[in-house]
Every structure is written in C-alpha cells, then in structure tokens.
Amino acid sequence: MIIGNRTLSTRYILPFLFTDKKYFTDKYSFINAYIQDINRPYLEDKIFIVFEYDPKVYSEVNNEMTSNSYYFTKYDLHMNNKYYIEYVFVIPPKHNITIKSIIDGKFNYISAECKINIISFWGNMDLSYLKDLLKNPKDLLDIISLEDRNEIITEGDYYDYDYHQLIRKFIQ
C-alpha cells in the first residue's frame, strides 16, 4: 500500500467520484485511493479509498463517504499497528470507459472534457501530474497500468476489526 505520496488513482479517479477535494487531505487523515484490495479480490471494478482512523474527524468523513451515490461498503483495517477505514465505491457507469483507461494506463484515451474535470477538481493546473495529463498522447506511452504500479492495498498486519470495540478503546 502506497502511503505518503498520492497514487494516480487518487489524482485521476477521485474527480469522477466526488465534486470536492476537501476530504482528500492530511487534515482528514486521508491516505490514498486504490484500484484493488488484494485481500478482497471478489470486489472487482471498485475504487478503494483509505483514511487513517481519527476520532476527531471520523464522523464527518464517514458521513461524506457513505452519502456518496457511488458508495458500496466499508471495511475496518488494522495494519502496522494502526487503524484505517476503507471505503469502497463502484465505478460511475457514465465514466466507466474513462476510468478503465486510467486504470490501464491509457491516458491518451481520456477526453479533453475529462481532463478538464480532473484539473478543475484539484484546482491547480501547475501540479506536475496535471501537466503530464495534458501532454500529447505520444508522450504518455511510457505510463504503465495502475496495477503494475502496485496501486493496490496489499496484505500485511491486516484484519477486519470490530469498529465498536475500536470506539470503546478510544473513549476509555
């Protein structure tokens, strides 16, 4: 699991699931977005968004994530002695082809309208990864698929956790 730097899934796919970038910052303990969870291979064609559990912002983040029309389910994770919440989203049908192109690393197939959507979402055309998005298709041929970039949630000190038990621990 990539922690720290933002994945291409975060940079390019979140703008098709959400209208505001507010919750995708360190302030809300946002970790990253992924295209797969190796522990849940049966959840195909989903987007996984992970937040570190923070009792100060959990309720607000949870309300935002679960009220999204593409929300599917959530899981509690425990990895490296930390607790995380993994929200799972379906790929919006109207953006299925675009998101599949992004997942496959075929950025040259993204329409100009979709590129504008990504840039508008992040609100900063000067970000290096947005500049790369605007390059000519021949300049993007070295991009590999997100799976090849290992943008998946990997195995580790991982298990589903009883959320109520977690809350009790933080309240005590």
N, C-alpha and C. Protein backbone atom coordinates (compact mmCIF):
# COMPACT_ATOMS: atom_id res chain seq x y z
N MET A 1 0.86 -1.17 0.00
CA MET A 1 0.00 0.00 0.00
C MET A 1 0.90 1.23 0.00
N ILE A 2 0.65 2.13 -0.90
CA ILE A 2 1.42 3.37 -1.00
C ILE A 2 0.86 4.36 0.02
N ILE A 3 1.72 4.80 0.93
CA ILE A 3 1.31 5.79 1.92
C ILE A 3 2.25 6.97 1.81
N GLY A 4 1.73 8.15 1.84
CA GLY A 4 2.56 9.34 1.74
C GLY A 4 2.33 10.05 0.43
N ASN A 5 2.91 9.54 -0.63
CA ASN A 5 2.69 10.14 -1.94
C ASN A 5 1.33 9.72 -2.46
N ARG A 6 0.71 10.57 -3.20
CA ARG A 6 -0.62 10.25 -3.73
C ARG A 6 -0.52 9.35 -4.95
N THR A 7 -1.37 8.35 -4.98
CA THR A 7 -1.42 7.43 -6.11
C THR A 7 -2.05 8.11 -7.32
N LEU A 8 -1.84 7.53 -8.48
CA LEU A 8 -2.53 8.02 -9.68
C LEU A 8 -4.03 7.80 -9.53
N SER A 9 -4.41 6.78 -8.78
CA SER A 9 -5.83 6.56 -8.51
C SER A 9 -6.42 7.76 -7.79
N THR A 10 -5.69 8.28 -6.82
CA THR A 10 -6.13 9.48 -6.10
C THR A 10 -6.20 10.66 -7.05
N ARG A 11 -5.14 10.87 -7.79
CA ARG A 11 -5.03 12.05 -8.65
C ARG A 11 -6.05 12.08 -9.77
N TYR A 12 -6.28 10.94 -10.41
CA TYR A 12 -7.07 10.92 -11.63
C TYR A 12 -8.47 10.33 -11.51
N ILE A 13 -8.71 9.48 -10.51
CA ILE A 13 -10.03 8.82 -10.42
C ILE A 13 -10.97 9.51 -9.43
N LEU A 14 -10.45 10.03 -8.33
CA LEU A 14 -11.33 10.70 -7.36
C LEU A 14 -12.20 11.80 -7.98
N PRO A 15 -11.69 12.57 -8.95
CA PRO A 15 -12.55 13.61 -9.54
C PRO A 15 -13.80 13.08 -10.23
N PHE A 16 -13.86 11.78 -10.50
CA PHE A 16 -15.05 11.20 -11.13
C PHE A 16 -16.02 10.64 -10.10
N LEU A 17 -15.60 10.58 -8.84
CA LEU A 17 -16.45 10.09 -7.76
C LEU A 17 -16.98 11.20 -6.87
N PHE A 18 -16.24 12.30 -6.80
CA PHE A 18 -16.57 13.39 -5.88
C PHE A 18 -16.54 14.73 -6.60
N THR A 19 -17.21 15.71 -6.01
CA THR A 19 -17.21 17.06 -6.60
C THR A 19 -16.31 18.01 -5.84
N ASP A 20 -15.80 17.58 -4.68
CA ASP A 20 -14.99 18.45 -3.85
C ASP A 20 -13.80 17.68 -3.30
N LYS A 21 -12.63 18.30 -3.29
CA LYS A 21 -11.41 17.65 -2.80
C LYS A 21 -11.21 17.80 -1.29
N LYS A 22 -12.13 18.44 -0.61
CA LYS A 22 -11.99 18.81 0.80
C LYS A 22 -11.47 17.67 1.69
N TYR A 23 -12.03 16.48 1.55
CA TYR A 23 -11.70 15.39 2.47
C TYR A 23 -10.44 14.62 2.09
N PHE A 24 -9.85 14.94 0.98
CA PHE A 24 -8.69 14.19 0.50
C PHE A 24 -7.39 14.91 0.83
N THR A 25 -7.26 15.24 2.12
CA THR A 25 -6.10 15.96 2.63
C THR A 25 -5.66 15.31 3.94
N ASP A 26 -4.50 15.70 4.39
CA ASP A 26 -3.99 15.19 5.67
C ASP A 26 -4.87 15.61 6.83
N LYS A 27 -5.54 16.75 6.72
CA LYS A 27 -6.43 17.22 7.79
C LYS A 27 -7.47 16.17 8.16
N TYR A 28 -7.92 15.41 7.17
CA TYR A 28 -8.95 14.39 7.38
C TYR A 28 -8.36 12.98 7.42
N SER A 29 -7.05 12.90 7.58
CA SER A 29 -6.34 11.61 7.68
C SER A 29 -6.51 10.74 6.45
N PHE A 30 -6.65 11.40 5.31
CA PHE A 30 -6.75 10.68 4.04
C PHE A 30 -5.40 10.03 3.73
N ILE A 31 -5.44 8.76 3.33
CA ILE A 31 -4.22 8.04 2.97
C ILE A 31 -4.07 8.01 1.45
N ASN A 32 -5.00 7.36 0.75
CA ASN A 32 -4.90 7.24 -0.70
C ASN A 32 -6.12 6.52 -1.26
N ALA A 33 -6.20 6.52 -2.58
CA ALA A 33 -7.20 5.74 -3.30
C ALA A 33 -6.47 4.63 -4.04
N TYR A 34 -7.14 3.51 -4.19
CA TYR A 34 -6.54 2.33 -4.82
C TYR A 34 -7.55 1.68 -5.77
N ILE A 35 -7.04 0.85 -6.66
CA ILE A 35 -7.91 0.18 -7.62
C ILE A 35 -8.24 -1.25 -7.21
N GLN A 36 -7.61 -1.73 -6.15
CA GLN A 36 -7.81 -3.12 -5.76
C GLN A 36 -7.39 -3.31 -4.32
N ASP A 37 -8.04 -4.26 -3.66
CA ASP A 37 -7.62 -4.70 -2.34
C ASP A 37 -7.28 -6.17 -2.47
N ILE A 38 -6.02 -6.51 -2.32
CA ILE A 38 -5.56 -7.88 -2.53
C ILE A 38 -6.28 -8.86 -1.60
N ASN A 39 -6.78 -8.37 -0.48
CA ASN A 39 -7.50 -9.23 0.47
C ASN A 39 -8.97 -9.41 0.11
N ARG A 40 -9.44 -8.69 -0.88
CA ARG A 40 -10.84 -8.78 -1.32
C ARG A 40 -10.90 -8.85 -2.86
N PRO A 41 -10.33 -9.90 -3.43
CA PRO A 41 -10.29 -9.99 -4.90
C PRO A 41 -11.68 -10.09 -5.53
N TYR A 42 -12.66 -10.47 -4.74
CA TYR A 42 -14.02 -10.59 -5.24
C TYR A 42 -14.66 -9.22 -5.50
N LEU A 43 -14.05 -8.16 -5.00
CA LEU A 43 -14.58 -6.81 -5.24
C LEU A 43 -13.91 -6.23 -6.49
N GLU A 44 -14.34 -6.71 -7.62
CA GLU A 44 -13.80 -6.24 -8.90
C GLU A 44 -14.47 -4.95 -9.32
N ASP A 45 -13.76 -4.18 -10.11
CA ASP A 45 -14.29 -2.94 -10.67
C ASP A 45 -14.79 -1.98 -9.59
N LYS A 46 -14.01 -1.86 -8.55
CA LYS A 46 -14.33 -0.95 -7.45
C LYS A 46 -13.13 -0.03 -7.22
N ILE A 47 -13.39 1.08 -6.54
CA ILE A 47 -12.34 2.01 -6.13
C ILE A 47 -12.33 2.00 -4.60
N PHE A 48 -11.15 1.90 -4.02
CA PHE A 48 -10.98 1.81 -2.57
C PHE A 48 -10.32 3.10 -2.08
N ILE A 49 -10.94 3.72 -1.09
CA ILE A 49 -10.42 4.96 -0.53
C ILE A 49 -10.16 4.72 0.94
N VAL A 50 -8.92 5.01 1.37
CA VAL A 50 -8.50 4.68 2.72
C VAL A 50 -8.17 5.94 3.52
N PHE A 51 -8.71 5.96 4.74
CA PHE A 51 -8.42 7.01 5.71
C PHE A 51 -7.86 6.35 6.97
N GLU A 52 -6.90 6.99 7.59
CA GLU A 52 -6.48 6.52 8.91
C GLU A 52 -7.57 6.92 9.88
N TYR A 53 -7.89 6.03 10.82
CA TYR A 53 -8.95 6.32 11.77
C TYR A 53 -8.51 7.47 12.68
N ASP A 54 -9.30 8.51 12.73
CA ASP A 54 -9.07 9.65 13.60
C ASP A 54 -10.43 10.00 14.22
N PRO A 55 -10.59 9.77 15.52
CA PRO A 55 -11.90 10.00 16.14
C PRO A 55 -12.38 11.45 16.02
N LYS A 56 -11.45 12.40 15.83
CA LYS A 56 -11.84 13.81 15.73
C LYS A 56 -12.56 14.12 14.42
N VAL A 57 -12.26 13.39 13.37
CA VAL A 57 -12.87 13.70 12.07
C VAL A 57 -13.66 12.52 11.50
N TYR A 58 -13.67 11.40 12.20
CA TYR A 58 -14.31 10.20 11.65
C TYR A 58 -15.75 10.43 11.24
N SER A 59 -16.54 11.00 12.11
CA SER A 59 -17.96 11.17 11.83
C SER A 59 -18.19 11.99 10.56
N GLU A 60 -17.47 13.08 10.44
CA GLU A 60 -17.63 13.94 9.26
C GLU A 60 -17.21 13.22 7.98
N VAL A 61 -16.07 12.55 8.03
CA VAL A 61 -15.59 11.80 6.86
C VAL A 61 -16.56 10.68 6.52
N ASN A 62 -16.97 9.94 7.52
CA ASN A 62 -17.87 8.82 7.30
C ASN A 62 -19.19 9.29 6.67
N ASN A 63 -19.74 10.38 7.16
CA ASN A 63 -20.98 10.91 6.59
C ASN A 63 -20.80 11.28 5.12
N GLU A 64 -19.68 11.92 4.81
CA GLU A 64 -19.40 12.31 3.42
C GLU A 64 -19.23 11.09 2.52
N MET A 65 -18.48 10.13 2.97
CA MET A 65 -18.20 8.95 2.13
C MET A 65 -19.46 8.11 1.93
N THR A 66 -20.19 7.84 3.00
CA THR A 66 -21.35 6.96 2.89
C THR A 66 -22.55 7.61 2.23
N SER A 67 -22.56 8.93 2.13
CA SER A 67 -23.67 9.59 1.46
C SER A 67 -23.41 9.75 -0.06
N ASN A 68 -22.23 9.41 -0.49
CA ASN A 68 -21.90 9.48 -1.92
C ASN A 68 -22.73 8.45 -2.68
N SER A 69 -23.27 8.83 -3.81
CA SER A 69 -24.13 7.93 -4.58
C SER A 69 -23.40 6.71 -5.13
N TYR A 70 -22.07 6.73 -5.16
CA TYR A 70 -21.30 5.58 -5.65
C TYR A 70 -20.76 4.71 -4.52
N TYR A 71 -21.10 5.05 -3.29
CA TYR A 71 -20.66 4.28 -2.13
C TYR A 71 -21.22 2.87 -2.21
N PHE A 72 -20.34 1.89 -1.89
CA PHE A 72 -20.74 0.49 -1.94
C PHE A 72 -20.73 -0.14 -0.54
N THR A 73 -19.60 -0.04 0.16
CA THR A 73 -19.48 -0.59 1.51
C THR A 73 -18.19 -0.04 2.15
N LYS A 74 -17.95 -0.44 3.39
CA LYS A 74 -16.70 -0.05 4.04
C LYS A 74 -16.19 -1.20 4.89
N TYR A 75 -14.89 -1.14 5.17
CA TYR A 75 -14.23 -2.14 5.99
C TYR A 75 -13.31 -1.43 6.97
N ASP A 76 -13.14 -2.04 8.13
CA ASP A 76 -12.18 -1.56 9.11
C ASP A 76 -10.91 -2.37 8.92
N LEU A 77 -9.77 -1.70 8.92
CA LEU A 77 -8.49 -2.36 8.70
C LEU A 77 -7.56 -2.10 9.87
N HIS A 78 -6.69 -3.04 10.12
CA HIS A 78 -5.62 -2.86 11.09
C HIS A 78 -4.33 -3.28 10.40
N MET A 79 -3.44 -2.32 10.21
CA MET A 79 -2.17 -2.60 9.54
C MET A 79 -1.07 -1.83 10.25
N ASN A 80 0.04 -2.52 10.49
CA ASN A 80 1.20 -1.89 11.13
C ASN A 80 0.82 -1.15 12.41
N ASN A 81 -0.03 -1.78 13.20
CA ASN A 81 -0.48 -1.23 14.48
C ASN A 81 -1.25 0.09 14.37
N LYS A 82 -1.88 0.30 13.23
CA LYS A 82 -2.73 1.47 13.04
C LYS A 82 -4.08 1.01 12.51
N TYR A 83 -5.10 1.83 12.78
CA TYR A 83 -6.44 1.52 12.31
C TYR A 83 -6.79 2.42 11.13
N TYR A 84 -7.44 1.81 10.14
CA TYR A 84 -7.83 2.52 8.93
C TYR A 84 -9.28 2.16 8.60
N ILE A 85 -9.92 3.05 7.86
CA ILE A 85 -11.24 2.78 7.32
C ILE A 85 -11.09 2.76 5.81
N GLU A 86 -11.56 1.69 5.22
CA GLU A 86 -11.51 1.52 3.76
C GLU A 86 -12.93 1.65 3.22
N TYR A 87 -13.16 2.67 2.42
CA TYR A 87 -14.46 2.88 1.79
C TYR A 87 -14.36 2.35 0.37
N VAL A 88 -15.40 1.63 -0.04
CA VAL A 88 -15.41 1.02 -1.36
C VAL A 88 -16.50 1.68 -2.20
N PHE A 89 -16.14 2.03 -3.43
CA PHE A 89 -17.06 2.72 -4.33
C PHE A 89 -17.15 1.98 -5.66
N VAL A 90 -18.33 2.02 -6.25
CA VAL A 90 -18.48 1.48 -7.60
C VAL A 90 -17.99 2.53 -8.59
N ILE A 91 -17.57 2.07 -9.72
CA ILE A 91 -17.15 2.99 -10.78
C ILE A 91 -18.41 3.58 -11.40
N PRO A 92 -18.50 4.90 -11.47
CA PRO A 92 -19.70 5.52 -12.06
C PRO A 92 -19.89 5.05 -13.51
N PRO A 93 -21.05 4.52 -13.83
CA PRO A 93 -21.27 3.99 -15.18
C PRO A 93 -20.94 5.00 -16.30
N LYS A 94 -21.27 6.27 -16.09
CA LYS A 94 -21.02 7.25 -17.16
C LYS A 94 -19.53 7.53 -17.35
N HIS A 95 -18.70 7.13 -16.39
CA HIS A 95 -17.25 7.34 -16.51
C HIS A 95 -16.48 6.02 -16.59
N ASN A 96 -17.19 4.94 -16.82
CA ASN A 96 -16.58 3.61 -16.83
C ASN A 96 -15.42 3.52 -17.83
N ILE A 97 -15.62 3.97 -19.04
CA ILE A 97 -14.57 3.87 -20.08
C ILE A 97 -13.37 4.72 -19.71
N THR A 98 -13.61 5.92 -19.23
CA THR A 98 -12.51 6.81 -18.84
C THR A 98 -11.71 6.21 -17.69
N ILE A 99 -12.39 5.73 -16.67
CA ILE A 99 -11.69 5.17 -15.51
C ILE A 99 -10.95 3.90 -15.90
N LYS A 100 -11.54 3.07 -16.73
CA LYS A 100 -10.84 1.86 -17.21
C LYS A 100 -9.58 2.26 -17.97
N SER A 101 -9.65 3.32 -18.77
CA SER A 101 -8.48 3.80 -19.50
C SER A 101 -7.39 4.25 -18.53
N ILE A 102 -7.78 4.96 -17.47
CA ILE A 102 -6.83 5.40 -16.46
C ILE A 102 -6.20 4.19 -15.77
N ILE A 103 -7.02 3.23 -15.38
CA ILE A 103 -6.52 2.03 -14.71
C ILE A 103 -5.53 1.28 -15.62
N ASP A 104 -5.82 1.23 -16.90
CA ASP A 104 -4.95 0.53 -17.85
C ASP A 104 -3.73 1.35 -18.25
N GLY A 105 -3.64 2.59 -17.76
CA GLY A 105 -2.50 3.43 -18.11
C GLY A 105 -2.61 4.06 -19.48
N LYS A 106 -3.80 4.07 -20.05
CA LYS A 106 -4.02 4.62 -21.39
C LYS A 106 -4.57 6.04 -21.28
N PHE A 107 -3.73 6.91 -20.76
CA PHE A 107 -4.14 8.29 -20.51
C PHE A 107 -4.44 9.04 -21.80
N ASN A 108 -3.89 8.56 -22.89
CA ASN A 108 -4.13 9.23 -24.17
C ASN A 108 -5.57 9.04 -24.65
N TYR A 109 -6.32 8.14 -24.03
CA TYR A 109 -7.72 7.93 -24.40
C TYR A 109 -8.68 8.82 -23.60
N ILE A 110 -8.15 9.57 -22.65
CA ILE A 110 -9.01 10.43 -21.83
C ILE A 110 -9.41 11.65 -22.65
N SER A 111 -10.70 11.92 -22.68
CA SER A 111 -11.19 13.06 -23.45
C SER A 111 -10.75 14.38 -22.83
N ALA A 112 -10.75 15.43 -23.63
CA ALA A 112 -10.40 16.76 -23.14
C ALA A 112 -11.34 17.18 -22.02
N GLU A 113 -12.61 16.86 -22.15
CA GLU A 113 -13.60 17.21 -21.13
C GLU A 113 -13.26 16.54 -19.78
N CYS A 114 -12.85 15.29 -19.84
CA CYS A 114 -12.50 14.57 -18.61
C CYS A 114 -11.20 15.12 -18.01
N LYS A 115 -10.26 15.50 -18.86
CA LYS A 115 -9.02 16.11 -18.36
C LYS A 115 -9.33 17.42 -17.65
N ILE A 116 -10.24 18.19 -18.22
CA ILE A 116 -10.64 19.46 -17.59
C ILE A 116 -11.30 19.18 -16.25
N ASN A 117 -12.11 18.12 -16.17
CA ASN A 117 -12.76 17.74 -14.92
C ASN A 117 -11.71 17.44 -13.84
N ILE A 118 -10.66 16.72 -14.20
CA ILE A 118 -9.61 16.37 -13.24
C ILE A 118 -8.90 17.63 -12.77
N ILE A 119 -8.53 18.48 -13.71
CA ILE A 119 -7.81 19.71 -13.37
C ILE A 119 -8.67 20.63 -12.51
N SER A 120 -9.94 20.74 -12.86
CA SER A 120 -10.86 21.60 -12.09
C SER A 120 -11.04 21.08 -10.67
N PHE A 121 -11.11 19.78 -10.52
CA PHE A 121 -11.28 19.17 -9.20
C PHE A 121 -10.15 19.57 -8.27
N TRP A 122 -8.91 19.48 -8.75
CA TRP A 122 -7.75 19.78 -7.91
C TRP A 122 -7.46 21.27 -7.87
N GLY A 123 -7.97 22.01 -8.85
CA GLY A 123 -7.87 23.46 -8.82
C GLY A 123 -6.48 24.03 -8.99
N ASN A 124 -5.58 23.27 -9.63
CA ASN A 124 -4.23 23.79 -9.81
C ASN A 124 -3.59 23.15 -11.04
N MET A 125 -3.58 23.86 -12.14
CA MET A 125 -3.01 23.32 -13.37
C MET A 125 -1.50 23.18 -13.30
N ASP A 126 -0.85 23.80 -12.33
CA ASP A 126 0.61 23.76 -12.25
C ASP A 126 1.14 22.50 -11.58
N LEU A 127 0.27 21.69 -11.00
CA LEU A 127 0.74 20.45 -10.39
C LEU A 127 1.35 19.56 -11.46
N SER A 128 2.49 18.98 -11.18
CA SER A 128 3.23 18.24 -12.20
C SER A 128 2.42 17.11 -12.81
N TYR A 129 1.64 16.39 -12.01
CA TYR A 129 0.89 15.27 -12.56
C TYR A 129 -0.26 15.75 -13.45
N LEU A 130 -0.72 16.97 -13.25
CA LEU A 130 -1.74 17.51 -14.15
C LEU A 130 -1.11 17.97 -15.46
N LYS A 131 0.09 18.51 -15.39
CA LYS A 131 0.79 18.88 -16.62
C LYS A 131 1.01 17.65 -17.48
N ASP A 132 1.42 16.53 -16.86
CA ASP A 132 1.63 15.29 -17.61
C ASP A 132 0.35 14.84 -18.29
N LEU A 133 -0.76 15.04 -17.64
CA LEU A 133 -2.04 14.63 -18.20
C LEU A 133 -2.35 15.36 -19.50
N LEU A 134 -1.86 16.59 -19.62
CA LEU A 134 -2.15 17.39 -20.79
C LEU A 134 -1.18 17.18 -21.95
N LYS A 135 -0.18 16.34 -21.74
CA LYS A 135 0.79 16.09 -22.81
C LYS A 135 0.12 15.39 -23.99
N ASN A 136 0.80 15.43 -25.11
CA ASN A 136 0.31 14.72 -26.29
C ASN A 136 0.31 13.22 -26.02
N PRO A 137 -0.59 12.48 -26.68
CA PRO A 137 -0.67 11.04 -26.45
C PRO A 137 0.67 10.32 -26.59
N LYS A 138 1.49 10.71 -27.53
CA LYS A 138 2.77 10.01 -27.72
C LYS A 138 3.68 10.18 -26.51
N ASP A 139 3.49 11.25 -25.75
CA ASP A 139 4.32 11.48 -24.56
C ASP A 139 3.89 10.61 -23.38
N LEU A 140 2.73 10.00 -23.47
CA LEU A 140 2.21 9.21 -22.35
C LEU A 140 2.39 7.71 -22.55
N LEU A 141 3.04 7.31 -23.61
CA LEU A 141 3.16 5.90 -23.90
C LEU A 141 3.97 5.14 -22.86
N ASP A 142 4.80 5.84 -22.08
CA ASP A 142 5.59 5.16 -21.06
C ASP A 142 4.81 4.94 -19.77
N ILE A 143 3.59 5.42 -19.67
CA ILE A 143 2.76 5.22 -18.49
C ILE A 143 2.34 3.75 -18.44
N ILE A 144 2.46 3.14 -17.28
CA ILE A 144 2.04 1.75 -17.12
C ILE A 144 0.74 1.70 -16.33
N SER A 145 0.12 0.55 -16.32
CA SER A 145 -1.17 0.42 -15.64
C SER A 145 -1.01 0.65 -14.15
N LEU A 146 -2.11 1.03 -13.50
CA LEU A 146 -2.08 1.28 -12.07
C LEU A 146 -1.79 0.00 -11.29
N GLU A 147 -2.23 -1.13 -11.81
CA GLU A 147 -1.94 -2.40 -11.16
C GLU A 147 -0.44 -2.68 -11.22
N ASP A 148 0.19 -2.41 -12.37
CA ASP A 148 1.63 -2.59 -12.49
C ASP A 148 2.39 -1.62 -11.60
N ARG A 149 1.78 -0.49 -11.28
CA ARG A 149 2.40 0.48 -10.37
C ARG A 149 2.18 0.07 -8.91
N ASN A 150 1.48 -1.04 -8.70
CA ASN A 150 1.21 -1.58 -7.36
C ASN A 150 0.27 -0.67 -6.57
N GLU A 151 -0.71 -0.08 -7.24
CA GLU A 151 -1.68 0.77 -6.56
C GLU A 151 -2.84 -0.08 -6.04
N ILE A 152 -2.45 -1.03 -5.20
CA ILE A 152 -3.43 -1.91 -4.58
C ILE A 152 -3.16 -1.93 -3.08
N ILE A 153 -4.16 -2.30 -2.34
CA ILE A 153 -3.99 -2.46 -0.90
C ILE A 153 -3.43 -3.86 -0.71
N THR A 154 -2.24 -3.94 -0.11
CA THR A 154 -1.54 -5.21 -0.01
C THR A 154 -1.82 -5.89 1.31
N GLU A 155 -1.38 -7.14 1.38
CA GLU A 155 -1.51 -7.88 2.62
C GLU A 155 -0.55 -7.31 3.65
N GLY A 156 -0.79 -7.62 4.87
CA GLY A 156 0.08 -7.13 5.93
C GLY A 156 -0.55 -7.50 7.25
N ASP A 157 -0.29 -6.72 8.26
CA ASP A 157 -0.91 -6.89 9.55
C ASP A 157 -2.35 -6.43 9.38
N TYR A 158 -3.17 -7.27 8.78
CA TYR A 158 -4.46 -6.85 8.25
C TYR A 158 -5.57 -7.77 8.75
N TYR A 159 -6.63 -7.19 9.21
CA TYR A 159 -7.83 -7.95 9.51
C TYR A 159 -9.00 -6.99 9.67
N ASP A 160 -10.18 -7.49 9.48
CA ASP A 160 -11.35 -6.68 9.76
C ASP A 160 -11.43 -6.51 11.27
N TYR A 161 -11.80 -5.35 11.68
CA TYR A 161 -11.81 -5.04 13.10
C TYR A 161 -13.21 -4.64 13.51
N ASP A 162 -13.59 -5.07 14.69
CA ASP A 162 -14.89 -4.68 15.23
C ASP A 162 -14.84 -3.20 15.56
N TYR A 163 -15.53 -2.40 14.78
CA TYR A 163 -15.48 -0.94 14.92
C TYR A 163 -15.94 -0.49 16.31
N HIS A 164 -16.92 -1.14 16.85
CA HIS A 164 -17.42 -0.75 18.16
C HIS A 164 -16.36 -0.98 19.24
N GLN A 165 -15.60 -2.04 19.07
CA GLN A 165 -14.50 -2.29 20.01
C GLN A 165 -13.46 -1.18 19.89
N LEU A 166 -13.19 -0.72 18.69
CA LEU A 166 -12.24 0.36 18.46
C LEU A 166 -12.72 1.65 19.14
N ILE A 167 -13.99 1.98 19.00
CA ILE A 167 -14.54 3.19 19.63
C ILE A 167 -14.41 3.10 21.15
N ARG A 168 -14.75 1.94 21.69
CA ARG A 168 -14.63 1.78 23.14
C ARG A 168 -13.20 2.03 23.61
N LYS A 169 -12.23 1.58 22.82
CA LYS A 169 -10.83 1.75 23.18
C LYS A 169 -10.46 3.24 23.23
N PHE A 170 -10.95 4.02 22.27
CA PHE A 170 -10.62 5.43 22.23
C PHE A 170 -11.40 6.25 23.25
N ILE A 171 -12.56 5.80 23.64
CA ILE A 171 -13.37 6.52 24.61
C ILE A 171 -12.82 6.34 26.03
N GLN A 172 -12.27 5.17 26.31
CA GLN A 172 -11.77 4.88 27.66
C GLN A 172 -10.54 5.67 27.99
